[in-house]
Amino acid sequence: MTRRLADLDQASLDCMRLVARRAGVRTNQGTLRQRTEIQIIIREAMRAVLPPEDPRRDPAYPFNQE
């Protein structure tokens, strides 16, 4: 059985919520784009510091797994 890796999308979503709350970005339709951009930036920063052999470095992960 393969070991389950932490989901970068969920981790970045959790971080985005924290960052948005601390920055005072309200949750509404008008700020959806800002919040999405924050999440993407956080996810890509997480991906950038992963070890080279980590399969989550591939942007297609988890869809590139068998």
PDB file of N, CA and C in Angstrom:
ATOM      1  N   MET A   1       0.848  -1.184   0.000  1.00  0.00           N
ATOM      2  CA  MET A   1       0.000   0.000   0.000  1.00  0.00           C
ATOM      3  C   MET A   1       0.893   1.247   0.000  1.00  0.00           C
ATOM      4  N   THR A   2       0.564   2.198  -0.838  1.00  0.00           N
ATOM      5  CA  THR A   2       1.365   3.412  -0.907  1.00  0.00           C
ATOM      6  C   THR A   2       0.946   4.389   0.183  1.00  0.00           C
ATOM      7  N   ARG A   3       1.911   5.165   0.599  1.00  0.00           N
ATOM      8  CA  ARG A   3       1.672   6.164   1.643  1.00  0.00           C
ATOM      9  C   ARG A   3       0.922   7.349   1.045  1.00  0.00           C
ATOM     10  N   ARG A   4      -0.098   7.795   1.725  1.00  0.00           N
ATOM     11  CA  ARG A   4      -0.876   8.951   1.253  1.00  0.00           C
ATOM     12  C   ARG A   4      -0.118  10.236   1.600  1.00  0.00           C
ATOM     13  N   LEU A   5       0.070  11.091   0.586  1.00  0.00           N
ATOM     14  CA  LEU A   5       0.757  12.362   0.771  1.00  0.00           C
ATOM     15  C   LEU A   5      -0.262  13.448   1.094  1.00  0.00           C
ATOM     16  N   ALA A   6       0.173  14.414   1.837  1.00  0.00           N
ATOM     17  CA  ALA A   6      -0.711  15.540   2.171  1.00  0.00           C
ATOM     18  C   ALA A   6      -1.158  16.234   0.889  1.00  0.00           C
ATOM     19  N   ASP A   7      -2.408  16.627   0.846  1.00  0.00           N
ATOM     20  CA  ASP A   7      -2.990  17.280  -0.317  1.00  0.00           C
ATOM     21  C   ASP A   7      -2.617  18.763  -0.315  1.00  0.00           C
ATOM     22  N   LEU A   8      -1.864  19.193  -1.325  1.00  0.00           N
ATOM     23  CA  LEU A   8      -1.442  20.591  -1.399  1.00  0.00           C
ATOM     24  C   LEU A   8      -2.623  21.536  -1.594  1.00  0.00           C
ATOM     25  N   ASP A   9      -3.653  21.082  -2.313  1.00  0.00           N
ATOM     26  CA  ASP A   9      -4.813  21.945  -2.517  1.00  0.00           C
ATOM     27  C   ASP A   9      -5.522  22.227  -1.196  1.00  0.00           C
ATOM     28  N   GLN A  10      -5.704  21.186  -0.381  1.00  0.00           N
ATOM     29  CA  GLN A  10      -6.383  21.399   0.901  1.00  0.00           C
ATOM     30  C   GLN A  10      -5.518  22.226   1.843  1.00  0.00           C
ATOM     31  N   ALA A  11      -4.223  21.945   1.861  1.00  0.00           N
ATOM     32  CA  ALA A  11      -3.318  22.711   2.733  1.00  0.00           C
ATOM     33  C   ALA A  11      -3.281  24.178   2.321  1.00  0.00           C
ATOM     34  N   SER A  12      -3.234  24.442   1.010  1.00  0.00           N
ATOM     35  CA  SER A  12      -3.196  25.833   0.551  1.00  0.00           C
ATOM     36  C   SER A  12      -4.539  26.528   0.792  1.00  0.00           C
ATOM     37  N   LEU A  13      -5.642  25.783   0.720  1.00  0.00           N
ATOM     38  CA  LEU A  13      -6.951  26.357   1.025  1.00  0.00           C
ATOM     39  C   LEU A  13      -7.018  26.762   2.498  1.00  0.00           C
ATOM     40  N   ASP A  14      -6.547  25.884   3.371  1.00  0.00           N
ATOM     41  CA  ASP A  14      -6.529  26.198   4.796  1.00  0.00           C
ATOM     42  C   ASP A  14      -5.662  27.425   5.086  1.00  0.00           C
ATOM     43  N   CYS A  15      -4.500  27.486   4.442  1.00  0.00           N
ATOM     44  CA  CYS A  15      -3.603  28.633   4.629  1.00  0.00           C
ATOM     45  C   CYS A  15      -4.222  29.911   4.081  1.00  0.00           C
ATOM     46  N   MET A  16      -4.872  29.809   2.914  1.00  0.00           N
ATOM     47  CA  MET A  16      -5.509  30.980   2.316  1.00  0.00           C
ATOM     48  C   MET A  16      -6.565  31.533   3.246  1.00  0.00           C
ATOM     49  N   ARG A  17      -7.350  30.665   3.847  1.00  0.00           N
ATOM     50  CA  ARG A  17      -8.392  31.124   4.771  1.00  0.00           C
ATOM     51  C   ARG A  17      -7.770  31.887   5.941  1.00  0.00           C
ATOM     52  N   LEU A  18      -6.674  31.372   6.457  1.00  0.00           N
ATOM     53  CA  LEU A  18      -5.991  32.033   7.562  1.00  0.00           C
ATOM     54  C   LEU A  18      -5.414  33.381   7.122  1.00  0.00           C
ATOM     55  N   VAL A  19      -4.747  33.401   5.985  1.00  0.00           N
ATOM     56  CA  VAL A  19      -4.152  34.640   5.467  1.00  0.00           C
ATOM     57  C   VAL A  19      -5.243  35.674   5.191  1.00  0.00           C
ATOM     58  N   ALA A  20      -6.329  35.254   4.557  1.00  0.00           N
ATOM     59  CA  ALA A  20      -7.417  36.181   4.240  1.00  0.00           C
ATOM     60  C   ALA A  20      -8.038  36.747   5.516  1.00  0.00           C
ATOM     61  N   ARG A  21      -8.220  35.891   6.513  1.00  0.00           N
ATOM     62  CA  ARG A  21      -8.795  36.353   7.776  1.00  0.00           C
ATOM     63  C   ARG A  21      -7.877  37.369   8.439  1.00  0.00           C
ATOM     64  N   ARG A  22      -6.578  37.060   8.482  1.00  0.00           N
ATOM     65  CA  ARG A  22      -5.618  37.979   9.113  1.00  0.00           C
ATOM     66  C   ARG A  22      -5.481  39.279   8.335  1.00  0.00           C
ATOM     67  N   ALA A  23      -5.615  39.209   6.999  1.00  0.00           N
ATOM     68  CA  ALA A  23      -5.484  40.402   6.159  1.00  0.00           C
ATOM     69  C   ALA A  23      -6.789  41.191   6.082  1.00  0.00           C
ATOM     70  N   GLY A  24      -7.856  40.624   6.629  1.00  0.00           N
ATOM     71  CA  GLY A  24      -9.141  41.317   6.609  1.00  0.00           C
ATOM     72  C   GLY A  24      -9.876  41.227   5.286  1.00  0.00           C
ATOM     73  N   VAL A  25      -9.546  40.223   4.467  1.00  0.00           N
ATOM     74  CA  VAL A  25     -10.246  40.026   3.198  1.00  0.00           C
ATOM     75  C   VAL A  25     -11.539  39.273   3.507  1.00  0.00           C
ATOM     76  N   ARG A  26     -12.651  39.922   3.268  1.00  0.00           N
ATOM     77  CA  ARG A  26     -13.947  39.313   3.578  1.00  0.00           C
ATOM     78  C   ARG A  26     -14.270  38.187   2.597  1.00  0.00           C
ATOM     79  N   THR A  27     -15.129  37.284   3.053  1.00  0.00           N
ATOM     80  CA  THR A  27     -15.572  36.183   2.212  1.00  0.00           C
ATOM     81  C   THR A  27     -16.887  36.584   1.546  1.00  0.00           C
ATOM     82  N   ASN A  28     -16.791  36.941   0.266  1.00  0.00           N
ATOM     83  CA  ASN A  28     -17.989  37.261  -0.509  1.00  0.00           C
ATOM     84  C   ASN A  28     -17.662  37.111  -1.984  1.00  0.00           C
ATOM     85  N   GLN A  29     -18.674  37.279  -2.819  1.00  0.00           N
ATOM     86  CA  GLN A  29     -18.486  37.094  -4.259  1.00  0.00           C
ATOM     87  C   GLN A  29     -17.459  38.069  -4.830  1.00  0.00           C
ATOM     88  N   GLY A  30     -17.366  39.258  -4.269  1.00  0.00           N
ATOM     89  CA  GLY A  30     -16.435  40.269  -4.766  1.00  0.00           C
ATOM     90  C   GLY A  30     -14.974  39.959  -4.485  1.00  0.00           C
ATOM     91  N   THR A  31     -14.713  39.146  -3.473  1.00  0.00           N
ATOM     92  CA  THR A  31     -13.325  38.827  -3.121  1.00  0.00           C
ATOM     93  C   THR A  31     -12.918  37.415  -3.533  1.00  0.00           C
ATOM     94  N   LEU A  32     -13.805  36.729  -4.237  1.00  0.00           N
ATOM     95  CA  LEU A  32     -13.512  35.351  -4.639  1.00  0.00           C
ATOM     96  C   LEU A  32     -12.218  35.260  -5.453  1.00  0.00           C
ATOM     97  N   ARG A  33     -12.020  36.179  -6.384  1.00  0.00           N
ATOM     98  CA  ARG A  33     -10.815  36.152  -7.218  1.00  0.00           C
ATOM     99  C   ARG A  33      -9.555  36.376  -6.377  1.00  0.00           C
ATOM    100  N   GLN A  34      -9.603  37.331  -5.458  1.00  0.00           N
ATOM    101  CA  GLN A  34      -8.452  37.578  -4.583  1.00  0.00           C
ATOM    102  C   GLN A  34      -8.109  36.339  -3.765  1.00  0.00           C
ATOM    103  N   ARG A  35      -9.127  35.735  -3.202  1.00  0.00           N
ATOM    104  CA  ARG A  35      -8.914  34.555  -2.354  1.00  0.00           C
ATOM    105  C   ARG A  35      -8.357  33.391  -3.177  1.00  0.00           C
ATOM    106  N   THR A  36      -8.856  33.225  -4.404  1.00  0.00           N
ATOM    107  CA  THR A  36      -8.355  32.169  -5.282  1.00  0.00           C
ATOM    108  C   THR A  36      -6.892  32.415  -5.635  1.00  0.00           C
ATOM    109  N   GLU A  37      -6.552  33.653  -5.937  1.00  0.00           N
ATOM    110  CA  GLU A  37      -5.164  33.984  -6.267  1.00  0.00           C
ATOM    111  C   GLU A  37      -4.240  33.750  -5.076  1.00  0.00           C
ATOM    112  N   ILE A  38      -4.694  34.089  -3.879  1.00  0.00           N
ATOM    113  CA  ILE A  38      -3.898  33.822  -2.671  1.00  0.00           C
ATOM    114  C   ILE A  38      -3.649  32.327  -2.523  1.00  0.00           C
ATOM    115  N   GLN A  39      -4.695  31.515  -2.742  1.00  0.00           N
ATOM    116  CA  GLN A  39      -4.547  30.067  -2.617  1.00  0.00           C
ATOM    117  C   GLN A  39      -3.554  29.517  -3.635  1.00  0.00           C
ATOM    118  N   ILE A  40      -3.615  29.979  -4.859  1.00  0.00           N
ATOM    119  CA  ILE A  40      -2.705  29.500  -5.907  1.00  0.00           C
ATOM    120  C   ILE A  40      -1.268  29.873  -5.571  1.00  0.00           C
ATOM    121  N   ILE A  41      -1.046  31.082  -5.107  1.00  0.00           N
ATOM    122  CA  ILE A  41       0.299  31.525  -4.736  1.00  0.00           C
ATOM    123  C   ILE A  41       0.855  30.651  -3.614  1.00  0.00           C
ATOM    124  N   ILE A  42       0.028  30.373  -2.625  1.00  0.00           N
ATOM    125  CA  ILE A  42       0.462  29.540  -1.496  1.00  0.00           C
ATOM    126  C   ILE A  42       0.760  28.120  -1.965  1.00  0.00           C
ATOM    127  N   ARG A  43      -0.117  27.552  -2.799  1.00  0.00           N
ATOM    128  CA  ARG A  43       0.092  26.179  -3.285  1.00  0.00           C
ATOM    129  C   ARG A  43       1.388  26.069  -4.093  1.00  0.00           C
ATOM    130  N   GLU A  44       1.640  27.041  -4.949  1.00  0.00           N
ATOM    131  CA  GLU A  44       2.857  26.994  -5.761  1.00  0.00           C
ATOM    132  C   GLU A  44       4.102  27.206  -4.904  1.00  0.00           C
ATOM    133  N   ALA A  45       4.007  28.008  -3.861  1.00  0.00           N
ATOM    134  CA  ALA A  45       5.140  28.184  -2.943  1.00  0.00           C
ATOM    135  C   ALA A  45       5.418  26.878  -2.204  1.00  0.00           C
ATOM    136  N   MET A  46       4.366  26.181  -1.792  1.00  0.00           N
ATOM    137  CA  MET A  46       4.548  24.876  -1.133  1.00  0.00           C
ATOM    138  C   MET A  46       5.199  23.883  -2.094  1.00  0.00           C
ATOM    139  N   ARG A  47       4.717  23.868  -3.326  1.00  0.00           N
ATOM    140  CA  ARG A  47       5.251  22.940  -4.330  1.00  0.00           C
ATOM    141  C   ARG A  47       6.732  23.225  -4.596  1.00  0.00           C
ATOM    142  N   ALA A  48       7.113  24.484  -4.582  1.00  0.00           N
ATOM    143  CA  ALA A  48       8.492  24.874  -4.897  1.00  0.00           C
ATOM    144  C   ALA A  48       9.503  24.394  -3.862  1.00  0.00           C
ATOM    145  N   VAL A  49       9.087  24.175  -2.639  1.00  0.00           N
ATOM    146  CA  VAL A  49      10.035  23.766  -1.603  1.00  0.00           C
ATOM    147  C   VAL A  49      10.007  22.265  -1.325  1.00  0.00           C
ATOM    148  N   LEU A  50       9.222  21.518  -2.087  1.00  0.00           N
ATOM    149  CA  LEU A  50       9.203  20.067  -1.923  1.00  0.00           C
ATOM    150  C   LEU A  50      10.499  19.461  -2.467  1.00  0.00           C
ATOM    151  N   PRO A  51      10.912  18.312  -1.936  1.00  0.00           N
ATOM    152  CA  PRO A  51      12.102  17.645  -2.471  1.00  0.00           C
ATOM    153  C   PRO A  51      11.899  17.281  -3.947  1.00  0.00           C
ATOM    154  N   PRO A  52      12.973  17.223  -4.726  1.00  0.00           N
ATOM    155  CA  PRO A  52      12.857  16.951  -6.168  1.00  0.00           C
ATOM    156  C   PRO A  52      12.136  15.643  -6.494  1.00  0.00           C
ATOM    157  N   GLU A  53      12.245  14.645  -5.646  1.00  0.00           N
ATOM    158  CA  GLU A  53      11.632  13.346  -5.935  1.00  0.00           C
ATOM    159  C   GLU A  53      10.161  13.264  -5.522  1.00  0.00           C
ATOM    160  N   ASP A  54       9.634  14.288  -4.907  1.00  0.00           N
ATOM    161  CA  ASP A  54       8.245  14.280  -4.447  1.00  0.00           C
ATOM    162  C   ASP A  54       7.304  14.382  -5.648  1.00  0.00           C
ATOM    163  N   PRO A  55       6.352  13.449  -5.799  1.00  0.00           N
ATOM    164  CA  PRO A  55       5.458  13.479  -6.964  1.00  0.00           C
ATOM    165  C   PRO A  55       4.531  14.697  -6.982  1.00  0.00           C
ATOM    166  N   ARG A  56       4.353  15.358  -5.856  1.00  0.00           N
ATOM    167  CA  ARG A  56       3.474  16.535  -5.808  1.00  0.00           C
ATOM    168  C   ARG A  56       4.080  17.750  -6.491  1.00  0.00           C
ATOM    169  N   ARG A  57       5.358  17.682  -6.868  1.00  0.00           N
ATOM    170  CA  ARG A  57       5.974  18.792  -7.617  1.00  0.00           C
ATOM    171  C   ARG A  57       5.369  18.910  -9.010  1.00  0.00           C
ATOM    172  N   ASP A  58       4.845  17.804  -9.530  1.00  0.00           N
ATOM    173  CA  ASP A  58       4.215  17.805 -10.844  1.00  0.00           C
ATOM    174  C   ASP A  58       2.847  18.487 -10.745  1.00  0.00           C
ATOM    175  N   PRO A  59       2.579  19.519 -11.559  1.00  0.00           N
ATOM    176  CA  PRO A  59       1.288  20.217 -11.483  1.00  0.00           C
ATOM    177  C   PRO A  59       0.085  19.303 -11.738  1.00  0.00           C
ATOM    178  N   ALA A  60       0.284  18.159 -12.383  1.00  0.00           N
ATOM    179  CA  ALA A  60      -0.822  17.239 -12.661  1.00  0.00           C
ATOM    180  C   ALA A  60      -1.146  16.324 -11.479  1.00  0.00           C
ATOM    181  N   TYR A  61      -0.349  16.358 -10.428  1.00  0.00           N
ATOM    182  CA  TYR A  61      -0.599  15.497  -9.270  1.00  0.00           C
ATOM    183  C   TYR A  61      -1.939  15.860  -8.664  1.00  0.00           C
ATOM    184  N   PRO A  62      -2.780  14.936  -8.282  1.00  0.00           N
ATOM    185  CA  PRO A  62      -2.649  13.479  -8.188  1.00  0.00           C
ATOM    186  C   PRO A  62      -3.098  12.749  -9.434  1.00  0.00           C
ATOM    187  N   PHE A  63      -3.455  13.476 -10.486  1.00  0.00           N
ATOM    188  CA  PHE A  63      -3.985  12.831 -11.679  1.00  0.00           C
ATOM    189  C   PHE A  63      -2.920  12.107 -12.493  1.00  0.00           C
ATOM    190  N   ASN A  64      -1.655  12.323 -12.164  1.00  0.00           N
ATOM    191  CA  ASN A  64      -0.575  11.649 -12.890  1.00  0.00           C
ATOM    192  C   ASN A  64      -0.176  10.340 -12.215  1.00  0.00           C
ATOM    193  N   GLN A  65      -0.882   9.946 -11.152  1.00  0.00           N
ATOM    194  CA  GLN A  65      -0.559   8.720 -10.411  1.00  0.00           C
ATOM    195  C   GLN A  65      -1.400   7.560 -10.928  1.00  0.00           C
ATOM    196  N   GLU A  66      -0.838   6.359 -10.857  1.00  0.00           N
ATOM    197  CA  GLU A  66      -1.572   5.153 -11.305  1.00  0.00           C
ATOM    198  C   GLU A  66      -2.487   4.656 -10.227  1.00  0.00           C
TER     199      GLU A  66
END
